[in-house]
Amino acid sequence: MSFPNDTQFHPTSFLLVGIPGLEDVHIWIGFPFLLVYIVALLGNTVVLFVIQTENSLHEPMYYFLAMLDSIDLGLSTATIPKMLGIFWCSLKTISFGGCLSQMFFIHFFTAMESIVLVAMAFDRYIAICKPLQYTMILTSRIIGVIAGIAILRSLYMVLPLVFLLLRLPFCGHHIIPHTYCEHMGIARLACASIKMNIMFGLGNISLLLLDVLLIVLSYIRILYAVFCLPSWDARLKALNTCGSHIGVILAFFTPAFFSFLTHRFGHNVPQYIHIILANLYVVIPPALNPVIYGVRTKQIRERVLKIFKKDSHLVKAKEAQS
């Protein structure tokens, strides 16, 4: 395809405004985002370290958790550093290629997280409904296949978005009223029809809704199996194993659900509310997920406490020697 004027067809850069209407408090907004990023980095790194070093955690459930933590590290790193640059240093310019790259990784990690949550729901279904077959069904090979499917499906959902944007002319439009680059935010700047972008985006939303449906169906089967157990103690123990996963699902889908509702029906909602909800959607789950699993999972909690106790003993020993 030959472009009549490349600088008009594709701008050299975009300008990310941040949160329109709240420019005066950008510097203060940056502090909670920094805190969330630190929690996400430390929390996910610690959980990954514990899973890798603790042999008792080399089980399917924790392999899926390790995938989730890796995705969360990628998602938070793809978004928050650039946000902080906008809030604190007015680094609002991002190259055309950089914007497409950020969009790719944000949507890729989001799609990956959704399908990993489905896999974790399947894991809980097998553990509770078919416990005797758990190790035979969720073998290392099957887990590898699930990881491969997650990567391929995410690429299928996101890679075409890049090419759909590359075909659009922008006629010099380059201001994005957002803190990060996302597909429709870029597409709306185009001076040509974006019908294909909208249709493909709706197809992706349908796939994410399918993930939600599969999770719901898994938990319907789980609840049916749990309430068929003879004693309340057994029921509570079974439900407790699902508590962390349910918390992570809510942390991921609730901000997305409210963001979708405000975009679809909140026509009178101020633009900064839309942007704040969109930010919560990508920054809150990476910080909450390791906290939820760290607090609720006994093996992880005990291992982390053991590490901190060991470090405190080493510090006290060095102080005694000095």
Protein backbone atom coordinates (compact mmCIF):
# COMPACT_ATOMS: atom_id res chain seq x y z
CA MET A 1 0.00 0.00 0.00
CA SER A 2 1.38 3.41 -0.93
CA PHE A 3 0.64 6.33 1.36
CA PRO A 4 0.20 9.80 -0.23
CA ASN A 5 1.89 11.56 2.66
CA ASP A 6 3.31 9.39 5.41
CA THR A 7 3.42 12.17 8.02
CA GLN A 8 -0.27 12.86 7.48
CA PHE A 9 -1.25 9.20 7.10
CA HIS A 10 0.56 8.24 10.31
CA PRO A 11 1.66 10.94 12.76
CA THR A 12 5.21 10.69 14.04
CA SER A 13 3.90 10.80 17.61
CA PHE A 14 0.80 11.05 19.78
CA LEU A 15 0.15 13.30 22.76
CA LEU A 16 -1.27 11.53 25.83
CA VAL A 17 -3.13 14.21 27.79
CA GLY A 18 -3.47 12.22 31.04
CA ILE A 19 -6.76 12.68 32.89
CA PRO A 20 -8.63 15.58 31.22
CA GLY A 21 -10.11 17.98 33.75
CA LEU A 22 -7.75 16.93 36.53
CA GLU A 23 -4.49 18.34 35.15
CA ASP A 24 -4.02 20.53 38.23
CA VAL A 25 -3.85 17.51 40.54
CA HIS A 26 -1.84 15.20 38.27
CA ILE A 27 1.14 15.42 40.60
CA TRP A 28 -0.95 14.14 43.54
CA ILE A 29 -2.69 11.45 41.50
CA GLY A 30 0.74 10.02 40.70
CA PHE A 31 1.47 9.01 44.31
CA PRO A 32 -1.25 6.33 44.67
CA PHE A 33 -0.29 5.00 41.24
CA LEU A 34 3.34 4.73 42.37
CA LEU A 35 2.23 2.93 45.54
CA VAL A 36 0.10 0.50 43.52
CA TYR A 37 3.04 -0.16 41.16
CA ILE A 38 5.43 -0.87 44.05
CA VAL A 39 2.91 -3.28 45.60
CA ALA A 40 2.42 -5.00 42.21
CA LEU A 41 6.18 -5.37 41.61
CA LEU A 42 7.06 -6.58 45.10
CA GLY A 43 3.96 -8.75 45.59
CA ASN A 44 4.12 -10.58 42.28
CA THR A 45 7.90 -11.02 42.47
CA VAL A 46 7.68 -12.48 45.99
CA VAL A 47 4.89 -14.90 45.03
CA LEU A 48 6.84 -16.03 41.94
CA PHE A 49 9.96 -16.54 44.06
CA VAL A 50 8.04 -18.56 46.66
CA ILE A 51 6.41 -20.78 44.01
CA GLN A 52 9.78 -21.41 42.34
CA THR A 53 11.70 -22.23 45.53
CA GLU A 54 9.02 -24.15 47.48
CA ASN A 55 8.75 -27.72 46.16
CA SER A 56 5.37 -28.25 47.84
CA LEU A 57 3.93 -25.52 45.57
CA HIS A 58 4.91 -27.26 42.34
CA GLU A 59 1.28 -28.11 41.61
CA PRO A 60 -1.13 -27.07 38.80
CA MET A 61 -2.92 -24.45 40.90
CA TYR A 62 0.34 -22.64 41.65
CA TYR A 63 1.63 -22.97 38.09
CA PHE A 64 -1.49 -21.06 36.98
CA LEU A 65 -0.87 -18.55 39.76
CA ALA A 66 2.71 -18.08 38.49
CA MET A 67 1.30 -17.38 35.01
CA LEU A 68 -1.10 -14.83 36.51
CA ASP A 69 1.70 -13.09 38.43
CA SER A 70 3.91 -12.92 35.33
CA ILE A 71 1.04 -11.38 33.35
CA ASP A 72 0.38 -8.86 36.14
CA LEU A 73 4.03 -7.78 36.14
CA GLY A 74 3.82 -7.21 32.39
CA LEU A 75 0.49 -5.36 32.53
CA SER A 76 1.51 -2.98 35.31
CA THR A 77 4.90 -2.25 33.70
CA ALA A 78 3.25 -1.57 30.33
CA THR A 79 1.04 1.15 31.83
CA ILE A 80 2.12 2.74 35.12
CA PRO A 81 5.66 4.04 34.32
CA LYS A 82 4.29 6.03 31.36
CA MET A 83 1.42 7.33 33.55
CA LEU A 84 3.91 8.54 36.15
CA GLY A 85 5.91 10.25 33.39
CA ILE A 86 2.74 12.10 32.32
CA PHE A 87 1.71 13.03 35.88
CA TRP A 88 5.09 14.13 37.22
CA CYS A 89 7.32 15.06 34.29
CA SER A 90 4.80 16.09 31.60
CA LEU A 91 6.25 13.39 29.32
CA LYS A 92 3.08 13.29 27.27
CA THR A 93 4.61 12.55 23.87
CA ILE A 94 4.79 8.95 22.68
CA SER A 95 5.96 7.85 19.24
CA PHE A 96 3.51 6.25 16.82
CA GLY A 97 5.31 2.91 17.07
CA GLY A 98 5.60 3.23 20.85
CA CYS A 99 1.87 3.89 21.14
CA LEU A 100 1.00 0.82 19.05
CA SER A 101 3.45 -1.27 21.10
CA GLN A 102 1.92 -0.13 24.39
CA MET A 103 -1.58 -0.85 23.05
CA PHE A 104 -0.47 -4.33 21.93
CA PHE A 105 0.99 -5.30 25.31
CA ILE A 106 -1.91 -3.86 27.36
CA HIS A 107 -4.53 -5.75 25.34
CA PHE A 108 -2.34 -8.87 25.07
CA PHE A 109 -1.81 -9.15 28.83
CA THR A 110 -5.48 -8.37 29.50
CA ALA A 111 -6.60 -11.16 27.15
CA MET A 112 -4.02 -13.50 28.69
CA GLU A 113 -5.24 -12.76 32.22
CA SER A 114 -8.84 -13.52 31.25
CA ILE A 115 -8.05 -16.97 29.84
CA VAL A 116 -5.72 -17.82 32.76
CA LEU A 117 -8.62 -17.06 35.13
CA VAL A 118 -10.71 -19.54 33.10
CA ALA A 119 -7.93 -22.12 33.48
CA MET A 120 -7.84 -21.50 37.25
CA ALA A 121 -11.62 -22.00 37.43
CA PHE A 122 -11.16 -25.30 35.54
CA ASP A 123 -8.43 -26.25 38.02
CA ARG A 124 -10.77 -25.65 40.99
CA TYR A 125 -13.55 -27.59 39.22
CA ILE A 126 -11.30 -30.64 38.77
CA ALA A 127 -9.92 -30.37 42.32
CA ILE A 128 -13.39 -30.31 43.92
CA CYS A 129 -15.56 -32.31 41.52
CA LYS A 130 -13.02 -34.93 40.40
CA PRO A 131 -10.32 -34.96 43.11
CA LEU A 132 -9.15 -38.54 42.42
CA GLN A 133 -8.44 -37.67 38.77
CA TYR A 134 -6.82 -34.29 39.49
CA THR A 135 -3.19 -35.28 38.87
CA MET A 136 -4.13 -37.45 35.89
CA ILE A 137 -6.06 -34.64 34.14
CA LEU A 138 -3.87 -31.64 34.95
CA THR A 139 -0.51 -33.05 33.93
CA SER A 140 2.49 -30.87 33.05
CA ARG A 141 1.73 -31.48 29.37
CA ILE A 142 -1.87 -30.27 29.72
CA ILE A 143 -0.73 -27.17 31.63
CA GLY A 144 1.75 -26.44 28.83
CA VAL A 145 -1.03 -26.84 26.24
CA ILE A 146 -3.27 -24.44 28.20
CA ALA A 147 -0.43 -21.88 28.36
CA GLY A 148 0.12 -22.24 24.61
CA ILE A 149 -3.59 -21.77 23.90
CA ALA A 150 -3.63 -18.67 26.11
CA ILE A 151 -0.74 -17.13 24.16
CA LEU A 152 -2.13 -18.03 20.72
CA ARG A 153 -5.65 -16.81 21.50
CA SER A 154 -4.31 -13.55 22.90
CA LEU A 155 -2.22 -13.02 19.75
CA TYR A 156 -5.29 -13.76 17.63
CA MET A 157 -7.26 -11.13 19.58
CA VAL A 158 -4.60 -8.40 19.61
CA LEU A 159 -2.28 -8.71 16.59
CA PRO A 160 -5.02 -7.84 14.01
CA LEU A 161 -5.72 -4.64 15.96
CA VAL A 162 -2.24 -3.38 15.08
CA PHE A 163 -2.80 -3.94 11.36
CA LEU A 164 -6.31 -2.47 11.52
CA LEU A 165 -4.78 0.72 12.94
CA LEU A 166 -1.89 0.77 10.47
CA ARG A 167 -4.33 0.93 7.53
CA LEU A 168 -6.03 4.09 8.90
CA PRO A 169 -5.10 7.68 7.93
CA PHE A 170 -4.97 10.17 10.82
CA CYS A 171 -4.78 13.48 8.91
CA GLY A 172 -2.62 15.08 11.58
CA HIS A 173 -4.86 14.14 14.54
CA HIS A 174 -2.57 13.14 17.40
CA ILE A 175 -4.08 14.13 20.78
CA ILE A 176 -5.33 11.20 22.90
CA PRO A 177 -7.34 12.20 26.02
CA HIS A 178 -6.04 9.27 28.06
CA THR A 179 -3.13 8.09 30.19
CA TYR A 180 -2.22 5.17 27.90
CA CYS A 181 -2.75 3.99 24.33
CA GLU A 182 -5.68 1.67 23.74
CA HIS A 183 -7.26 0.46 20.51
CA MET A 184 -10.44 2.54 20.23
CA GLY A 185 -8.75 5.62 21.68
CA ILE A 186 -6.31 5.55 18.75
CA ALA A 187 -8.88 4.48 16.15
CA ARG A 188 -11.22 7.41 16.97
CA LEU A 189 -8.49 9.83 15.82
CA ALA A 190 -8.65 8.43 12.27
CA CYS A 191 -10.22 10.42 9.44
CA ALA A 192 -11.64 7.29 7.77
CA SER A 193 -14.19 4.60 8.57
CA ILE A 194 -13.34 2.55 11.65
CA LYS A 195 -16.21 0.08 11.19
CA MET A 196 -13.81 -2.88 10.91
CA ASN A 197 -12.05 -1.82 14.12
CA ILE A 198 -15.39 -1.62 15.94
CA MET A 199 -16.55 -5.01 14.64
CA PHE A 200 -13.28 -6.73 15.58
CA GLY A 201 -13.36 -5.05 19.00
CA LEU A 202 -16.90 -6.36 19.57
CA GLY A 203 -15.67 -9.83 18.59
CA ASN A 204 -12.95 -9.59 21.24
CA ILE A 205 -15.48 -8.49 23.86
CA SER A 206 -17.57 -11.54 22.92
CA LEU A 207 -14.58 -13.80 23.60
CA LEU A 208 -14.05 -12.17 27.01
CA LEU A 209 -17.76 -12.64 27.80
CA LEU A 210 -17.33 -16.30 26.83
CA ASP A 211 -14.55 -16.51 29.43
CA VAL A 212 -16.93 -15.08 32.04
CA LEU A 213 -19.60 -17.63 31.03
CA LEU A 214 -17.12 -20.52 31.35
CA ILE A 215 -16.06 -19.30 34.81
CA VAL A 216 -19.70 -19.02 35.90
CA LEU A 217 -20.50 -22.52 34.59
CA SER A 218 -17.46 -23.92 36.41
CA TYR A 219 -18.61 -22.41 39.69
CA ILE A 220 -22.19 -23.62 39.22
CA ARG A 221 -20.79 -27.16 38.96
CA ILE A 222 -18.47 -26.53 41.92
CA LEU A 223 -21.31 -25.21 44.12
CA TYR A 224 -23.51 -28.16 43.18
CA ALA A 225 -20.72 -30.58 44.15
CA VAL A 226 -19.94 -28.68 47.37
CA PHE A 227 -23.54 -28.68 48.63
CA CYS A 228 -23.76 -32.41 47.97
CA LEU A 229 -21.04 -32.98 50.57
CA PRO A 230 -22.33 -34.54 53.82
CA SER A 231 -21.01 -32.05 56.42
CA TRP A 232 -20.80 -28.27 56.71
CA ASP A 233 -17.10 -28.53 57.63
CA ALA A 234 -16.35 -30.30 54.36
CA ARG A 235 -18.40 -27.71 52.44
CA LEU A 236 -16.61 -24.77 54.08
CA LYS A 237 -13.20 -26.35 53.46
CA ALA A 238 -14.03 -26.88 49.78
CA LEU A 239 -15.36 -23.33 49.36
CA ASN A 240 -12.31 -21.90 51.14
CA THR A 241 -10.05 -23.32 48.42
CA CYS A 242 -12.01 -21.19 45.89
CA GLY A 243 -11.98 -17.97 47.93
CA SER A 244 -8.71 -16.59 46.55
CA HIS A 245 -9.70 -17.31 42.96
CA ILE A 246 -13.10 -15.64 43.40
CA GLY A 247 -11.36 -12.57 44.87
CA VAL A 248 -9.01 -12.36 41.88
CA ILE A 249 -11.92 -12.73 39.43
CA LEU A 250 -13.78 -9.87 41.12
CA ALA A 251 -10.64 -7.69 41.15
CA PHE A 252 -10.20 -8.24 37.40
CA PHE A 253 -13.76 -8.12 36.05
CA THR A 254 -15.45 -5.58 38.40
CA PRO A 255 -13.48 -2.47 37.25
CA ALA A 256 -13.84 -3.67 33.64
CA PHE A 257 -17.60 -4.08 34.10
CA PHE A 258 -18.06 -0.58 35.55
CA SER A 259 -15.78 0.91 32.88
CA PHE A 260 -17.90 -0.75 30.17
CA LEU A 261 -21.16 0.47 31.76
CA THR A 262 -20.00 4.08 32.01
CA HIS A 263 -18.80 4.06 28.38
CA ARG A 264 -22.03 2.46 27.16
CA PHE A 265 -24.65 4.25 29.25
CA GLY A 266 -22.91 7.06 31.13
CA HIS A 267 -23.16 9.72 28.44
CA ASN A 268 -23.48 12.45 31.11
CA VAL A 269 -20.59 11.08 33.19
CA PRO A 270 -17.54 13.44 33.15
CA GLN A 271 -14.69 12.28 30.94
CA TYR A 272 -12.24 12.07 33.85
CA ILE A 273 -14.48 9.40 35.47
CA HIS A 274 -14.20 7.28 32.31
CA ILE A 275 -10.41 7.64 32.34
CA ILE A 276 -10.07 6.89 36.07
CA LEU A 277 -12.18 3.71 35.70
CA ALA A 278 -10.10 2.65 32.69
CA ASN A 279 -6.95 3.17 34.80
CA LEU A 280 -8.34 1.11 37.70
CA TYR A 281 -9.06 -1.68 35.23
CA VAL A 282 -5.36 -2.09 34.35
CA VAL A 283 -3.57 -1.11 37.60
CA ILE A 284 -5.68 -2.55 40.44
CA PRO A 285 -5.69 -6.31 39.58
CA PRO A 286 -1.86 -6.58 39.36
CA ALA A 287 -1.57 -5.11 42.87
CA LEU A 288 -4.49 -6.97 44.46
CA ASN A 289 -3.85 -10.47 43.08
CA PRO A 290 -0.62 -11.23 45.02
CA VAL A 291 -2.12 -9.69 48.18
CA ILE A 292 -5.24 -11.87 47.90
CA TYR A 293 -3.26 -15.07 47.33
CA GLY A 294 -0.57 -14.11 49.84
CA VAL A 295 -3.11 -13.56 52.61
CA ARG A 296 -5.48 -16.45 51.87
CA THR A 297 -3.04 -19.19 50.78
CA LYS A 298 -1.47 -20.79 53.85
CA GLN A 299 1.61 -22.24 52.08
CA ILE A 300 2.52 -18.90 50.46
CA ARG A 301 1.82 -16.92 53.64
CA GLU A 302 3.96 -19.21 55.80
CA ARG A 303 6.82 -19.23 53.29
CA VAL A 304 6.85 -15.40 53.07
CA LEU A 305 6.80 -15.08 56.88
CA LYS A 306 9.67 -17.58 57.08
CA ILE A 307 11.72 -15.48 54.64
CA PHE A 308 11.14 -12.28 56.66
CA LYS A 309 11.95 -14.06 59.95
CA LYS A 310 15.16 -15.42 58.47
CA ASP A 311 16.15 -11.94 57.29
CA SER A 312 15.40 -10.42 60.72
CA HIS A 313 17.54 -13.10 62.42
CA LEU A 314 20.42 -12.34 60.04
CA VAL A 315 20.16 -8.60 60.77
CA LYS A 316 20.16 -9.26 64.56
CA ALA A 317 23.18 -11.58 64.23
CA LYS A 318 25.14 -8.93 62.30
CA GLU A 319 24.23 -6.30 64.90
CA ALA A 320 25.41 -8.63 67.69
CA GLN A 321 28.74 -9.21 65.92
CA SER A 322 29.31 -5.50 65.45
